[in-house]
PDB file of N, CA and C in Angstrom:
ATOM      1  N   MET A   1       9.344  -4.796   3.286  1.00  0.00           N
ATOM      2  CA  MET A   1       8.790  -4.416   5.167  1.00  0.00           C
ATOM      3  C   MET A   1       7.674  -3.208   4.514  1.00  0.00           C
ATOM      4  N   ILE A   2       6.047  -3.284   4.743  1.00  0.00           N
ATOM      5  CA  ILE A   2       5.772  -2.490   5.282  1.00  0.00           C
ATOM      6  C   ILE A   2       6.031  -1.801   6.704  1.00  0.00           C
ATOM      7  N   ALA A   3       5.516  -1.019   7.104  1.00  0.00           N
ATOM      8  CA  ALA A   3       5.202  -0.374   8.812  1.00  0.00           C
ATOM      9  C   ALA A   3       3.610   0.352   8.184  1.00  0.00           C
ATOM     10  N   ARG A   4       3.277  -1.110   9.816  1.00  0.00           N
ATOM     11  CA  ARG A   4       1.908  -0.533   9.665  1.00  0.00           C
ATOM     12  C   ARG A   4       1.779  -0.332  11.095  1.00  0.00           C
ATOM     13  N   THR A   5       1.474   1.564  11.303  1.00  0.00           N
ATOM     14  CA  THR A   5       0.903   1.801  12.553  1.00  0.00           C
ATOM     15  C   THR A   5      -0.532   1.855  12.744  1.00  0.00           C
ATOM     16  N   PRO A   6      -0.834   1.332  13.994  1.00  0.00           N
ATOM     17  CA  PRO A   6      -2.528   1.322  14.838  1.00  0.00           C
ATOM     18  C   PRO A   6      -2.955   3.105  13.723  1.00  0.00           C
ATOM     19  N   PRO A   7      -4.093   2.897  13.555  1.00  0.00           N
ATOM     20  CA  PRO A   7      -4.903   4.318  13.977  1.00  0.00           C
ATOM     21  C   PRO A   7      -4.964   5.126  14.790  1.00  0.00           C
ATOM     22  N   GLU A   8      -5.062   6.362  14.966  1.00  0.00           N
ATOM     23  CA  GLU A   8      -4.737   7.845  15.745  1.00  0.00           C
ATOM     24  C   GLU A   8      -6.245   7.683  16.614  1.00  0.00           C
ATOM     25  N   PHE A   9      -7.211   7.328  15.877  1.00  0.00           N
ATOM     26  CA  PHE A   9      -8.787   7.496  16.134  1.00  0.00           C
ATOM     27  C   PHE A   9      -9.280   6.400  16.823  1.00  0.00           C
ATOM     28  N   ILE A  10     -10.093   6.721  17.780  1.00  0.00           N
ATOM     29  CA  ILE A  10     -10.497   6.047  19.200  1.00  0.00           C
ATOM     30  C   ILE A  10     -12.215   5.248  18.062  1.00  0.00           C
ATOM     31  N   ASP A  11     -12.640   6.319  17.745  1.00  0.00           N
ATOM     32  CA  ASP A  11     -14.120   5.854  16.934  1.00  0.00           C
ATOM     33  C   ASP A  11     -14.305   6.082  15.173  1.00  0.00           C
ATOM     34  N   SER A  12     -15.156   4.966  15.087  1.00  0.00           N
ATOM     35  CA  SER A  12     -15.031   4.881  13.594  1.00  0.00           C
ATOM     36  C   SER A  12     -15.140   5.640  12.744  1.00  0.00           C
ATOM     37  N   GLU A  13     -16.135   6.906  12.948  1.00  0.00           N
ATOM     38  CA  GLU A  13     -15.772   7.854  12.424  1.00  0.00           C
ATOM     39  C   GLU A  13     -14.431   9.041  11.996  1.00  0.00           C
ATOM     40  N   GLY A  14     -14.206   9.219  12.710  1.00  0.00           N
ATOM     41  CA  GLY A  14     -13.192  10.015  12.932  1.00  0.00           C
ATOM     42  C   GLY A  14     -11.871   8.581  12.528  1.00  0.00           C
ATOM     43  N   ALA A  15     -11.830   8.023  12.168  1.00  0.00           N
ATOM     44  CA  ALA A  15     -10.848   6.720  11.787  1.00  0.00           C
ATOM     45  C   ALA A  15     -10.988   6.669  10.181  1.00  0.00           C
ATOM     46  N   CYS A  16     -12.741   6.900  10.046  1.00  0.00           N
ATOM     47  CA  CYS A  16     -12.668   7.117   8.352  1.00  0.00           C
ATOM     48  C   CYS A  16     -12.450   8.407   8.237  1.00  0.00           C
ATOM     49  N   GLU A  17     -12.790   9.346   8.771  1.00  0.00           N
ATOM     50  CA  GLU A  17     -12.033  10.864   7.944  1.00  0.00           C
ATOM     51  C   GLU A  17     -10.843  10.640   8.350  1.00  0.00           C
ATOM     52  N   GLY A  18     -10.159  10.015   9.669  1.00  0.00           N
ATOM     53  CA  GLY A  18      -7.905   9.959   9.363  1.00  0.00           C
ATOM     54  C   GLY A  18      -7.529   8.748   7.957  1.00  0.00           C
ATOM     55  N   HIS A  19      -9.327   8.245   7.467  1.00  0.00           N
ATOM     56  CA  HIS A  19      -8.120   7.428   6.701  1.00  0.00           C
ATOM     57  C   HIS A  19      -8.445   7.837   4.915  1.00  0.00           C
ATOM     58  N   GLU A  20      -9.613   8.835   5.130  1.00  0.00           N
ATOM     59  CA  GLU A  20      -9.216   9.614   4.532  1.00  0.00           C
ATOM     60  C   GLU A  20      -8.289  10.812   3.615  1.00  0.00           C
ATOM     61  N   ARG A  21      -8.314  11.110   4.930  1.00  0.00           N
ATOM     62  CA  ARG A  21      -7.123  12.231   4.561  1.00  0.00           C
ATOM     63  C   ARG A  21      -5.668  11.896   4.558  1.00  0.00           C
ATOM     64  N   GLU A  22      -5.853   9.906   4.869  1.00  0.00           N
ATOM     65  CA  GLU A  22      -4.147   9.611   4.442  1.00  0.00           C
ATOM     66  C   GLU A  22      -4.219   9.779   3.425  1.00  0.00           C
ATOM     67  N   ILE A  23      -5.068   8.751   2.495  1.00  0.00           N
ATOM     68  CA  ILE A  23      -5.499   8.368   1.583  1.00  0.00           C
ATOM     69  C   ILE A  23      -5.115  10.292   0.303  1.00  0.00           C
ATOM     70  N   LYS A  24      -5.772  10.908  -0.167  1.00  0.00           N
ATOM     71  CA  LYS A  24      -6.218  12.211  -0.353  1.00  0.00           C
ATOM     72  C   LYS A  24      -4.470  12.226  -0.331  1.00  0.00           C
ATOM     73  N   ARG A  25      -3.495  12.687   0.833  1.00  0.00           N
ATOM     74  CA  ARG A  25      -2.191  12.763   1.312  1.00  0.00           C
ATOM     75  C   ARG A  25      -1.184  12.141  -0.118  1.00  0.00           C
ATOM     76  N   ILE A  26      -1.304  10.666   0.341  1.00  0.00           N
ATOM     77  CA  ILE A  26      -0.629   9.857  -0.536  1.00  0.00           C
ATOM     78  C   ILE A  26      -0.902   9.902  -1.737  1.00  0.00           C
ATOM     79  N   ASP A  27      -1.838  10.543  -2.722  1.00  0.00           N
ATOM     80  CA  ASP A  27      -2.434  10.602  -4.136  1.00  0.00           C
ATOM     81  C   ASP A  27      -1.655  11.893  -4.524  1.00  0.00           C
ATOM     82  N   ALA A  28      -1.985  12.810  -4.007  1.00  0.00           N
ATOM     83  CA  ALA A  28      -0.851  14.341  -3.802  1.00  0.00           C
ATOM     84  C   ALA A  28       0.478  13.838  -4.489  1.00  0.00           C
ATOM     85  N   ALA A  29       1.072  12.876  -3.060  1.00  0.00           N
ATOM     86  CA  ALA A  29       2.634  12.577  -3.471  1.00  0.00           C
ATOM     87  C   ALA A  29       2.936  11.361  -4.286  1.00  0.00           C
ATOM     88  N   GLY A  30       1.738  11.407  -5.261  1.00  0.00           N
ATOM     89  CA  GLY A  30       2.017  10.246  -6.379  1.00  0.00           C
ATOM     90  C   GLY A  30       1.911  11.191  -6.958  1.00  0.00           C
ATOM     91  N   ARG A  31       1.194  12.101  -7.593  1.00  0.00           N
ATOM     92  CA  ARG A  31       0.697  12.910  -8.618  1.00  0.00           C
ATOM     93  C   ARG A  31       2.057  13.918  -8.644  1.00  0.00           C
ATOM     94  N   ILE A  32       3.468  13.750  -7.658  1.00  0.00           N
ATOM     95  CA  ILE A  32       4.738  14.408  -7.672  1.00  0.00           C
ATOM     96  C   ILE A  32       5.219  13.601  -8.262  1.00  0.00           C
ATOM     97  N   GLY A  33       4.988  12.488  -8.408  1.00  0.00           N
ATOM     98  CA  GLY A  33       5.746  11.356  -9.029  1.00  0.00           C
ATOM     99  C   GLY A  33       7.155  10.658  -7.228  1.00  0.00           C
ATOM    100  N   GLY A  34       8.023  10.308  -8.432  1.00  0.00           N
ATOM    101  CA  GLY A  34       9.589   9.670  -7.866  1.00  0.00           C
ATOM    102  C   GLY A  34       9.873   8.567  -8.302  1.00  0.00           C
ATOM    103  N   THR A  35      10.927   7.920  -7.820  1.00  0.00           N
ATOM    104  CA  THR A  35      10.766   6.805  -8.000  1.00  0.00           C
ATOM    105  C   THR A  35      10.287   5.804  -8.002  1.00  0.00           C
ATOM    106  N   SER A  36      10.824   4.613  -8.444  1.00  0.00           N
ATOM    107  CA  SER A  36       9.599   3.120  -8.306  1.00  0.00           C
ATOM    108  C   SER A  36       9.393   3.210  -7.330  1.00  0.00           C
ATOM    109  N   ARG A  37      10.748   3.086  -5.849  1.00  0.00           N
ATOM    110  CA  ARG A  37      10.689   2.605  -4.821  1.00  0.00           C
ATOM    111  C   ARG A  37       9.719   2.820  -3.652  1.00  0.00           C
ATOM    112  N   LYS A  38       9.689   4.390  -3.945  1.00  0.00           N
ATOM    113  CA  LYS A  38       8.745   5.526  -3.406  1.00  0.00           C
ATOM    114  C   LYS A  38       7.228   5.365  -3.985  1.00  0.00           C
ATOM    115  N   MET A  39       7.518   5.264  -4.910  1.00  0.00           N
ATOM    116  CA  MET A  39       5.528   4.850  -5.802  1.00  0.00           C
ATOM    117  C   MET A  39       5.470   3.257  -5.301  1.00  0.00           C
ATOM    118  N   GLU A  40       5.822   2.596  -4.965  1.00  0.00           N
ATOM    119  CA  GLU A  40       5.414   0.894  -4.586  1.00  0.00           C
ATOM    120  C   GLU A  40       5.112   1.291  -2.640  1.00  0.00           C
ATOM    121  N   ARG A  41       5.615   2.366  -2.359  1.00  0.00           N
ATOM    122  CA  ARG A  41       6.253   2.631  -0.940  1.00  0.00           C
ATOM    123  C   ARG A  41       4.734   3.066  -1.029  1.00  0.00           C
ATOM    124  N   LEU A  42       4.309   4.003  -1.892  1.00  0.00           N
ATOM    125  CA  LEU A  42       2.292   4.365  -2.120  1.00  0.00           C
ATOM    126  C   LEU A  42       1.936   3.814  -2.052  1.00  0.00           C
ATOM    127  N   ARG A  43       2.228   3.164  -2.862  1.00  0.00           N
ATOM    128  CA  ARG A  43       0.896   1.850  -3.275  1.00  0.00           C
ATOM    129  C   ARG A  43       0.750   1.010  -1.941  1.00  0.00           C
ATOM    130  N   GLU A  44       1.231   0.645  -1.278  1.00  0.00           N
ATOM    131  CA  GLU A  44       1.633  -0.180   0.038  1.00  0.00           C
ATOM    132  C   GLU A  44       0.533   0.717   0.700  1.00  0.00           C
ATOM    133  N   GLN A  45       0.617   2.061   1.058  1.00  0.00           N
ATOM    134  CA  GLN A  45       0.224   2.971   1.964  1.00  0.00           C
ATOM    135  C   GLN A  45      -0.979   2.632   1.949  1.00  0.00           C
ATOM    136  N   ARG A  46      -1.798   2.879   0.498  1.00  0.00           N
ATOM    137  CA  ARG A  46      -3.084   3.674   0.351  1.00  0.00           C
ATOM    138  C   ARG A  46      -3.893   2.141   0.273  1.00  0.00           C
ATOM    139  N   ARG A  47      -3.285   1.140  -0.284  1.00  0.00           N
ATOM    140  CA  ARG A  47      -4.410  -0.158  -0.465  1.00  0.00           C
ATOM    141  C   ARG A  47      -4.500  -0.389   1.790  1.00  0.00           C
ATOM    142  N   TYR A  48      -3.340  -0.358   2.503  1.00  0.00           N
ATOM    143  CA  TYR A  48      -3.311  -0.002   3.939  1.00  0.00           C
ATOM    144  C   TYR A  48      -4.388   0.683   4.017  1.00  0.00           C
ATOM    145  N   HIS A  49      -4.575   1.815   3.718  1.00  0.00           N
ATOM    146  CA  HIS A  49      -5.296   2.950   4.119  1.00  0.00           C
ATOM    147  C   HIS A  49      -6.819   1.960   3.587  1.00  0.00           C
ATOM    148  N   LYS A  50      -6.884   1.929   2.610  1.00  0.00           N
ATOM    149  CA  LYS A  50      -8.304   1.008   1.646  1.00  0.00           C
ATOM    150  C   LYS A  50      -9.162   0.146   2.264  1.00  0.00           C
ATOM    151  N   GLU A  51      -7.886  -0.866   2.961  1.00  0.00           N
ATOM    152  CA  GLU A  51      -8.792  -1.897   3.361  1.00  0.00           C
ATOM    153  C   GLU A  51      -8.890  -1.752   4.809  1.00  0.00           C
ATOM    154  N   GLU A  52      -8.639  -0.482   5.878  1.00  0.00           N
ATOM    155  CA  GLU A  52      -8.633  -0.255   7.053  1.00  0.00           C
ATOM    156  C   GLU A  52      -9.989   0.227   6.988  1.00  0.00           C
ATOM    157  N   MET A  53     -10.632   0.904   5.938  1.00  0.00           N
ATOM    158  CA  MET A  53     -11.507   1.928   5.590  1.00  0.00           C
ATOM    159  C   MET A  53     -13.027   0.514   5.390  1.00  0.00           C
ATOM    160  N   TRP A  54     -12.601  -0.248   4.629  1.00  0.00           N
ATOM    161  CA  TRP A  54     -13.458  -1.403   4.139  1.00  0.00           C
ATOM    162  C   TRP A  54     -13.527  -2.308   5.410  1.00  0.00           C
ATOM    163  N   ARG A  55     -12.534  -2.879   6.442  1.00  0.00           N
ATOM    164  CA  ARG A  55     -12.717  -3.520   7.739  1.00  0.00           C
ATOM    165  C   ARG A  55     -13.754  -2.849   8.755  1.00  0.00           C
ATOM    166  N   GLN A  56     -13.224  -1.261   9.173  1.00  0.00           N
ATOM    167  CA  GLN A  56     -14.447  -0.691   9.742  1.00  0.00           C
ATOM    168  C   GLN A  56     -15.589  -0.175   8.869  1.00  0.00           C
ATOM    169  N   GLY A  57     -15.594  -0.494   7.673  1.00  0.00           N
ATOM    170  CA  GLY A  57     -17.025  -0.166   7.159  1.00  0.00           C
ATOM    171  C   GLY A  57     -17.417   1.255   7.268  1.00  0.00           C
ATOM    172  N   CYS A  58     -16.408   2.212   6.818  1.00  0.00           N
ATOM    173  CA  CYS A  58     -16.485   3.450   6.065  1.00  0.00           C
ATOM    174  C   CYS A  58     -16.892   3.719   4.459  1.00  0.00           C
ATOM    175  N   GLY A  59     -18.352   4.800   4.951  1.00  0.00           N
ATOM    176  CA  GLY A  59     -18.918   4.905   3.722  1.00  0.00           C
ATOM    177  C   GLY A  59     -19.831   3.446   3.189  1.00  0.00           C
ATOM    178  N   ARG A  60     -20.132   3.122   4.141  1.00  0.00           N
ATOM    179  CA  ARG A  60     -21.536   2.067   4.225  1.00  0.00           C
ATOM    180  C   ARG A  60     -22.636   2.392   4.498  1.00  0.00           C
TER     181      ARG A  60
END
């Protein structure tokens, strides 16, 4: 089960930046490596942030 937290930001630009920061943090954690469970959790978190960015129209 994936814990989904609401975005911390009100405006879409701030939300987009927040999602980008989270993706960078997740990518850095993924480069460190770890158990398969940890890597799967990181993939799910990254997918969540990418989907939220798409929904909010980030980068369009």
